[in-house]
Amino acid sequence: MGILRLLFSVILWTVIHSSVALAGGEVTLYQWLPMGHFSAPFILPVKSGETPEAAAERYLSNLEKHPDLMELFQGQRPQMSAQNLTPLDEAREKRALLIANLPKDYGMNSQRVNSFKRIFKEGGHISYLLPINANLGLTVDETRSLFTKISESFPMMVAMGGDDVDPAQYKKDNMHARNTIPTRDQFEVSLIKNYVASEKGFFLGVCRGSQIASVALGYKLVQDVPVQVGPELPHGNDWHEIEVKKTTNGILSALLPEGSNKLTVNSLHHQAVQFKPGGPLELAATAADGVTEATEFKNGRGILLQFHPELMDNELGNKILWKVLQQKSKVMPASCSKVF
């Protein structure tokens, strides 16, 4: 009996401490509306046993410990008050999470954030911002919990344009990449990889967002199009035609004018995705010089665009974003059993 009692005590101790350890690795998502002029509510992870106000301070104080991230903020701690923090409710279906990668995404005058918000609002969706490196001050287990909670809480994720991706993320030396922020890029690659693998939502990547998502999925980048491809077709700040390809889900091709396989889009980049067959993506559009302009997920749960529909300020740009919402609604029913 003594041995059995001892064995039972050991098992009970293990179960209790395992539960405590598990709880310690969990986070809860809060909606954060700091005082001031911000473009959208932020999403903040709050640790087990941590007040939301302490979580906001933990995030900001850890931001100051990363010189590369502080470069983005010109060495100044962001003025984000630890106020108006409420738990994110469970009504997930009409949400979009925009991944902030530059401080300008925070401000109420952010053109791209406001453009996404406008179209998404017309489609009945509320837009949220994930702050830069939202996992600052979290453990590895807590970061995993953050990724899981995001996948469970947001049926759509948007990676926006911005700086070049750190070539170390696709195992290349930096020959032409500019303004790289390794800490930020490592976080975003892990976040996107987890979100896509969860198959619980739809993913949209634009310009840098297309590039970093492609890197997360195992592709490499052209570090400088004028040098590595050629300068004949201006990609830096211009408009040009793209040739749209047939794909399994036909997201982009559904917008083609009758009798044409061309669309005219804006171009604001110097890097591009090196597409290769056989991976999770299908080639959906190319420029005249062969540069990848769009790819689509084979499973229908994402589209990556080298151009900026949110900045096109025309009917086509709006139609592309509406098509994204339609495709998101189309694929979401298949994921319900995995979400609930």
Protein backbone atom coordinates (compact mmCIF):
# COMPACT_ATOMS: atom_id res chain seq x y z
CA MET A 1 0.00 0.00 0.00
CA GLY A 2 2.85 2.34 0.84
CA ILE A 3 4.38 1.90 -2.62
CA LEU A 4 1.00 2.47 -4.31
CA ARG A 5 0.40 5.60 -2.24
CA LEU A 6 3.85 6.91 -3.16
CA LEU A 7 3.27 6.13 -6.85
CA PHE A 8 -0.10 7.91 -6.76
CA SER A 9 1.53 10.97 -5.14
CA VAL A 10 4.22 11.10 -7.83
CA ILE A 11 1.61 10.86 -10.62
CA LEU A 12 -0.55 13.55 -8.99
CA TRP A 13 2.46 15.87 -8.57
CA THR A 14 3.40 15.36 -12.23
CA VAL A 15 -0.13 16.10 -13.47
CA ILE A 16 -0.45 19.23 -11.34
CA HIS A 17 2.93 20.63 -12.33
CA SER A 18 2.41 19.75 -15.98
CA SER A 19 -0.87 21.67 -15.89
CA VAL A 20 0.82 24.64 -14.27
CA ALA A 21 3.61 24.58 -16.83
CA LEU A 22 1.07 24.36 -19.64
CA ALA A 23 -0.93 27.28 -18.26
CA GLY A 24 2.26 29.28 -17.92
CA GLY A 25 2.85 28.92 -21.65
CA GLU A 26 -0.58 30.22 -22.63
CA VAL A 27 -1.41 33.76 -23.70
CA THR A 28 -4.72 35.56 -24.11
CA LEU A 29 -5.30 38.01 -26.97
CA TYR A 30 -6.41 41.51 -26.00
CA GLN A 31 -7.64 44.36 -28.14
CA TRP A 32 -5.51 47.45 -27.42
CA LEU A 33 -6.66 51.00 -28.20
CA PRO A 34 -3.96 53.36 -26.87
CA MET A 35 -4.88 57.02 -26.46
CA GLY A 36 -3.94 58.98 -29.57
CA HIS A 37 -4.33 58.84 -33.32
CA PHE A 38 -3.88 55.22 -34.36
CA SER A 39 -5.07 53.56 -37.55
CA ALA A 40 -6.66 50.44 -36.03
CA PRO A 41 -6.92 48.52 -32.75
CA PHE A 42 -3.79 46.54 -31.91
CA ILE A 43 -3.66 42.90 -30.84
CA LEU A 44 -1.62 42.31 -27.68
CA PRO A 45 -0.74 38.92 -26.15
CA VAL A 46 -1.17 38.84 -22.36
CA LYS A 47 0.65 36.15 -20.37
CA SER A 48 -0.99 33.92 -17.80
CA GLY A 49 -1.04 35.85 -14.51
CA GLU A 50 -0.12 39.15 -16.21
CA THR A 51 -2.36 42.20 -16.24
CA PRO A 52 -3.00 43.68 -19.71
CA GLU A 53 -1.43 46.95 -18.56
CA ALA A 54 1.71 45.05 -17.53
CA ALA A 55 1.68 43.26 -20.89
CA ALA A 56 1.69 46.59 -22.74
CA GLU A 57 4.61 47.82 -20.64
CA ARG A 58 6.44 44.49 -21.09
CA TYR A 59 6.10 44.77 -24.87
CA LEU A 60 7.31 48.39 -25.03
CA SER A 61 10.21 47.92 -22.61
CA ASN A 62 11.42 44.87 -24.54
CA LEU A 63 11.17 46.82 -27.78
CA GLU A 64 13.76 49.22 -26.38
CA LYS A 65 16.19 46.30 -25.92
CA HIS A 66 16.41 45.64 -29.68
CA PRO A 67 18.57 48.22 -31.50
CA ASP A 68 17.43 47.09 -34.97
CA LEU A 69 13.77 47.51 -34.02
CA MET A 70 14.43 50.87 -32.37
CA GLU A 71 16.00 52.04 -35.64
CA LEU A 72 12.52 51.81 -37.14
CA PHE A 73 11.25 54.20 -34.46
CA GLN A 74 14.27 56.52 -34.81
CA GLY A 75 15.45 55.54 -31.35
CA GLN A 76 12.27 56.75 -29.64
CA ARG A 77 9.94 54.53 -27.65
CA PRO A 78 6.48 54.58 -29.27
CA GLN A 79 3.94 56.70 -27.40
CA MET A 80 1.37 53.98 -26.79
CA SER A 81 -0.49 54.31 -23.50
CA ALA A 82 -1.39 51.16 -21.57
CA GLN A 83 -5.10 51.95 -21.71
CA ASN A 84 -8.29 50.59 -23.26
CA LEU A 85 -7.30 46.93 -23.15
CA THR A 86 -10.13 44.41 -23.45
CA PRO A 87 -10.13 40.65 -24.17
CA LEU A 88 -10.72 39.79 -27.81
CA ASP A 89 -14.14 38.18 -28.14
CA GLU A 90 -14.77 34.84 -29.85
CA ALA A 91 -16.61 36.20 -32.92
CA ARG A 92 -13.82 35.40 -35.38
CA GLU A 93 -15.49 35.18 -38.80
CA LYS A 94 -15.43 38.88 -39.74
CA ARG A 95 -11.91 39.84 -38.75
CA ALA A 96 -8.76 40.70 -40.68
CA LEU A 97 -5.31 40.92 -39.07
CA LEU A 98 -2.82 43.27 -40.73
CA ILE A 99 0.83 42.66 -39.82
CA ALA A 100 2.47 46.03 -39.12
CA ASN A 101 6.10 46.17 -40.23
CA LEU A 102 6.78 49.92 -40.18
CA PRO A 103 5.88 52.60 -37.59
CA LYS A 104 3.86 54.48 -40.23
CA ASP A 105 1.38 51.59 -40.18
CA TYR A 106 0.36 52.72 -36.69
CA GLY A 107 -0.76 56.25 -37.63
CA MET A 108 -4.31 57.16 -38.63
CA ASN A 109 -2.99 58.63 -41.91
CA SER A 110 -1.50 55.34 -43.14
CA GLN A 111 -2.77 55.17 -46.73
CA ARG A 112 -2.37 51.44 -47.12
CA VAL A 113 -3.92 50.52 -43.77
CA ASN A 114 -6.85 52.85 -44.40
CA SER A 115 -7.36 51.40 -47.88
CA PHE A 116 -7.46 47.82 -46.57
CA LYS A 117 -9.75 48.91 -43.73
CA ARG A 118 -12.17 50.62 -46.13
CA ILE A 119 -12.62 47.62 -48.43
CA PHE A 120 -12.71 45.14 -45.56
CA LYS A 121 -15.29 47.26 -43.70
CA GLU A 122 -17.48 47.33 -46.82
CA GLY A 123 -17.25 43.54 -46.73
CA GLY A 124 -18.34 43.49 -43.08
CA HIS A 125 -14.85 42.87 -41.64
CA ILE A 126 -13.09 44.66 -38.78
CA SER A 127 -9.37 45.30 -39.29
CA TYR A 128 -6.80 44.85 -36.51
CA LEU A 129 -3.07 45.56 -36.41
CA LEU A 130 -0.47 43.17 -35.06
CA PRO A 131 2.32 45.39 -33.70
CA ILE A 132 5.89 44.90 -34.86
CA ASN A 133 7.35 41.81 -33.16
CA ALA A 134 4.26 41.26 -31.04
CA ASN A 135 6.01 38.44 -29.13
CA LEU A 136 8.55 40.68 -27.40
CA GLY A 137 9.07 39.45 -23.85
CA LEU A 138 7.36 36.11 -24.46
CA THR A 139 8.94 32.68 -23.98
CA VAL A 140 9.15 30.17 -26.82
CA ASP A 141 6.05 28.37 -25.51
CA GLU A 142 4.16 31.65 -25.13
CA THR A 143 5.11 32.62 -28.68
CA ARG A 144 3.73 29.31 -29.92
CA SER A 145 0.55 30.03 -28.00
CA LEU A 146 0.39 33.49 -29.62
CA PHE A 147 0.63 31.96 -33.09
CA THR A 148 -2.04 29.38 -32.27
CA LYS A 149 -4.41 31.99 -30.83
CA ILE A 150 -3.95 34.19 -33.90
CA SER A 151 -4.77 31.29 -36.22
CA GLU A 152 -7.85 30.48 -34.15
CA SER A 153 -9.01 34.11 -33.88
CA PHE A 154 -8.42 35.55 -37.36
CA PRO A 155 -9.83 34.04 -40.57
CA MET A 156 -7.72 36.42 -42.65
CA MET A 157 -4.14 37.66 -42.35
CA VAL A 158 -2.53 40.39 -44.46
CA ALA A 159 1.23 40.94 -44.80
CA MET A 160 1.80 44.42 -46.22
CA GLY A 161 4.59 46.08 -48.20
CA GLY A 162 7.72 47.48 -46.61
CA ASP A 163 11.47 46.92 -46.35
CA ASP A 164 13.51 44.15 -47.96
CA VAL A 165 13.55 40.73 -46.33
CA ASP A 166 16.77 39.73 -44.57
CA PRO A 167 18.50 37.29 -47.00
CA ALA A 168 19.59 35.16 -44.03
CA GLN A 169 15.97 34.00 -43.87
CA TYR A 170 16.41 32.25 -47.23
CA LYS A 171 20.04 31.29 -46.58
CA LYS A 172 21.71 33.78 -48.92
CA ASP A 173 24.34 36.48 -48.41
CA ASN A 174 23.14 40.06 -48.55
CA MET A 175 24.22 41.35 -51.94
CA HIS A 176 21.52 43.95 -52.69
CA ALA A 177 18.91 43.94 -49.88
CA ARG A 178 18.22 47.29 -48.22
CA ASN A 179 16.96 48.34 -44.79
CA THR A 180 16.82 44.81 -43.42
CA ILE A 181 15.62 44.27 -39.83
CA PRO A 182 16.57 40.68 -38.86
CA THR A 183 14.59 40.54 -35.60
CA ARG A 184 11.37 41.63 -37.30
CA ASP A 185 11.83 39.33 -40.30
CA GLN A 186 12.52 36.25 -38.19
CA PHE A 187 9.30 36.85 -36.25
CA GLU A 188 7.20 37.40 -39.37
CA VAL A 189 8.55 34.30 -41.13
CA SER A 190 7.65 32.15 -38.10
CA LEU A 191 4.23 33.78 -37.74
CA ILE A 192 3.32 33.31 -41.41
CA LYS A 193 4.65 29.77 -41.55
CA ASN A 194 2.49 28.82 -38.56
CA TYR A 195 -0.62 30.59 -39.87
CA VAL A 196 -0.42 28.99 -43.32
CA ALA A 197 0.27 25.54 -41.84
CA SER A 198 -2.78 25.82 -39.57
CA GLU A 199 -5.13 26.02 -42.60
CA LYS A 200 -7.59 28.01 -40.49
CA GLY A 201 -7.66 31.18 -42.57
CA PHE A 202 -6.91 33.01 -45.81
CA PHE A 203 -3.57 34.76 -46.40
CA LEU A 204 -2.92 37.87 -48.51
CA GLY A 205 0.63 39.07 -49.13
CA VAL A 206 1.42 42.35 -50.90
CA CYS A 207 4.88 43.33 -52.21
CA ARG A 208 7.18 42.69 -49.21
CA GLY A 209 4.32 40.63 -47.80
CA SER A 210 4.40 38.42 -50.89
CA GLN A 211 8.16 38.09 -50.61
CA ILE A 212 8.37 37.25 -46.91
CA ALA A 213 5.47 34.79 -47.19
CA SER A 214 7.24 33.09 -50.10
CA VAL A 215 10.41 32.87 -47.99
CA ALA A 216 8.37 31.34 -45.16
CA LEU A 217 7.15 28.73 -47.66
CA GLY A 218 10.64 27.83 -48.86
CA TYR A 219 11.22 30.12 -51.85
CA LYS A 220 14.12 32.50 -52.47
CA LEU A 221 14.18 36.10 -53.70
CA VAL A 222 15.73 38.12 -56.50
CA GLN A 223 17.57 40.69 -54.39
CA ASP A 224 17.64 43.41 -57.06
CA VAL A 225 15.57 43.16 -60.24
CA PRO A 226 17.49 45.81 -62.28
CA VAL A 227 20.82 44.08 -61.54
CA GLN A 228 19.78 40.41 -61.68
CA VAL A 229 16.99 40.53 -64.28
CA GLY A 230 17.64 43.74 -66.19
CA PRO A 231 16.56 47.39 -66.24
CA GLU A 232 14.40 47.25 -69.37
CA LEU A 233 11.05 47.16 -67.53
CA PRO A 234 10.74 49.76 -64.75
CA HIS A 235 9.60 48.13 -61.51
CA GLY A 236 10.57 50.83 -59.01
CA ASN A 237 7.73 53.33 -59.43
CA ASP A 238 5.61 52.77 -62.51
CA TRP A 239 2.66 50.93 -64.06
CA HIS A 240 2.92 48.00 -66.47
CA GLU A 241 1.00 45.06 -67.85
CA ILE A 242 1.17 41.61 -66.34
CA GLU A 243 0.25 38.33 -68.00
CA VAL A 244 -2.21 36.34 -65.89
CA LYS A 245 -1.90 32.54 -65.85
CA LYS A 246 -4.47 29.80 -65.36
CA THR A 247 -4.38 28.35 -61.85
CA THR A 248 -6.31 25.75 -59.88
CA ASN A 249 -8.48 28.32 -58.13
CA GLY A 250 -8.38 31.13 -60.70
CA ILE A 251 -8.48 33.94 -58.15
CA LEU A 252 -6.71 36.56 -60.27
CA SER A 253 -7.79 35.25 -63.67
CA ALA A 254 -11.45 35.74 -62.67
CA LEU A 255 -10.83 39.49 -63.01
CA LEU A 256 -9.54 39.41 -66.60
CA PRO A 257 -11.42 41.40 -69.25
CA GLU A 258 -13.13 39.17 -71.80
CA GLY A 259 -10.72 37.98 -74.48
CA SER A 260 -7.59 39.19 -72.65
CA ASN A 261 -4.97 37.67 -70.35
CA LYS A 262 -3.46 41.02 -69.30
CA LEU A 263 -4.01 43.39 -66.39
CA THR A 264 -2.32 46.75 -65.78
CA VAL A 265 -0.94 47.15 -62.26
CA ASN A 266 1.28 49.48 -60.27
CA SER A 267 4.89 48.60 -59.49
CA LEU A 268 6.78 49.78 -56.39
CA HIS A 269 9.56 47.27 -55.80
CA HIS A 270 13.12 46.25 -56.62
CA GLN A 271 13.01 42.65 -55.34
CA ALA A 272 10.91 39.69 -56.46
CA VAL A 273 10.06 36.06 -55.70
CA GLN A 274 12.06 33.34 -57.47
CA PHE A 275 9.20 31.03 -58.35
CA LYS A 276 9.89 27.31 -58.67
CA PRO A 277 7.38 24.60 -59.58
CA GLY A 278 6.52 21.83 -57.17
CA GLY A 279 5.97 23.88 -54.02
CA PRO A 280 2.75 25.02 -52.33
CA LEU A 281 2.31 27.96 -54.74
CA GLU A 282 1.19 28.24 -58.36
CA LEU A 283 2.43 30.96 -60.71
CA ALA A 284 -0.50 33.32 -61.31
CA ALA A 285 1.07 36.26 -63.18
CA THR A 286 4.37 37.48 -64.62
CA ALA A 287 5.70 40.74 -66.03
CA ALA A 288 7.07 40.97 -69.58
CA ASP A 289 10.61 40.42 -68.26
CA GLY A 290 9.58 37.21 -66.47
CA VAL A 291 9.45 38.71 -62.97
CA THR A 292 6.92 36.97 -60.73
CA GLU A 293 3.94 39.29 -60.20
CA ALA A 294 1.51 36.95 -58.44
CA THR A 295 1.24 33.45 -57.01
CA GLU A 296 -1.74 31.59 -55.57
CA PHE A 297 -1.89 28.88 -52.93
CA LYS A 298 -2.72 25.52 -54.48
CA ASN A 299 -5.20 24.87 -51.66
CA GLY A 300 -7.01 28.14 -52.41
CA ARG A 301 -6.17 29.66 -49.02
CA GLY A 302 -3.99 32.53 -50.16
CA ILE A 303 -2.74 34.86 -52.87
CA LEU A 304 0.57 36.73 -53.03
CA LEU A 305 0.81 39.92 -55.12
CA GLN A 306 3.97 41.79 -56.07
CA PHE A 307 1.90 44.89 -56.86
CA HIS A 308 -0.27 47.01 -54.51
CA PRO A 309 -4.03 46.76 -55.12
CA GLU A 310 -4.65 48.86 -52.00
CA LEU A 311 -2.69 51.76 -53.56
CA MET A 312 -3.97 51.48 -57.14
CA ASP A 313 -6.89 53.82 -56.40
CA ASN A 314 -8.95 52.43 -59.26
CA GLU A 315 -11.67 49.89 -59.99
CA LEU A 316 -9.25 47.00 -60.55
CA GLY A 317 -7.54 47.53 -57.19
CA ASN A 318 -10.91 47.45 -55.43
CA LYS A 319 -12.02 44.38 -57.38
CA ILE A 320 -8.87 42.49 -56.41
CA LEU A 321 -9.47 43.12 -52.70
CA TRP A 322 -13.15 42.20 -53.04
CA LYS A 323 -12.08 38.99 -54.76
CA VAL A 324 -9.81 38.26 -51.79
CA LEU A 325 -12.80 38.56 -49.45
CA GLN A 326 -14.88 36.31 -51.71
CA GLN A 327 -12.16 33.66 -51.85
CA LYS A 328 -11.73 33.83 -48.08
CA SER A 329 -15.46 33.19 -47.64
CA LYS A 330 -15.29 30.35 -50.16
CA VAL A 331 -12.56 28.40 -48.37
CA MET A 332 -13.56 29.09 -44.76
CA PRO A 333 -16.45 26.56 -44.53
CA ALA A 334 -13.95 23.74 -45.17
CA SER A 335 -11.95 24.87 -42.12
CA CYS A 336 -14.80 25.06 -39.59
CA SER A 337 -14.19 21.57 -38.26
CA LYS A 338 -10.58 22.50 -37.57
CA VAL A 339 -11.42 25.78 -35.86
CA PHE A 340 -14.17 24.75 -33.44
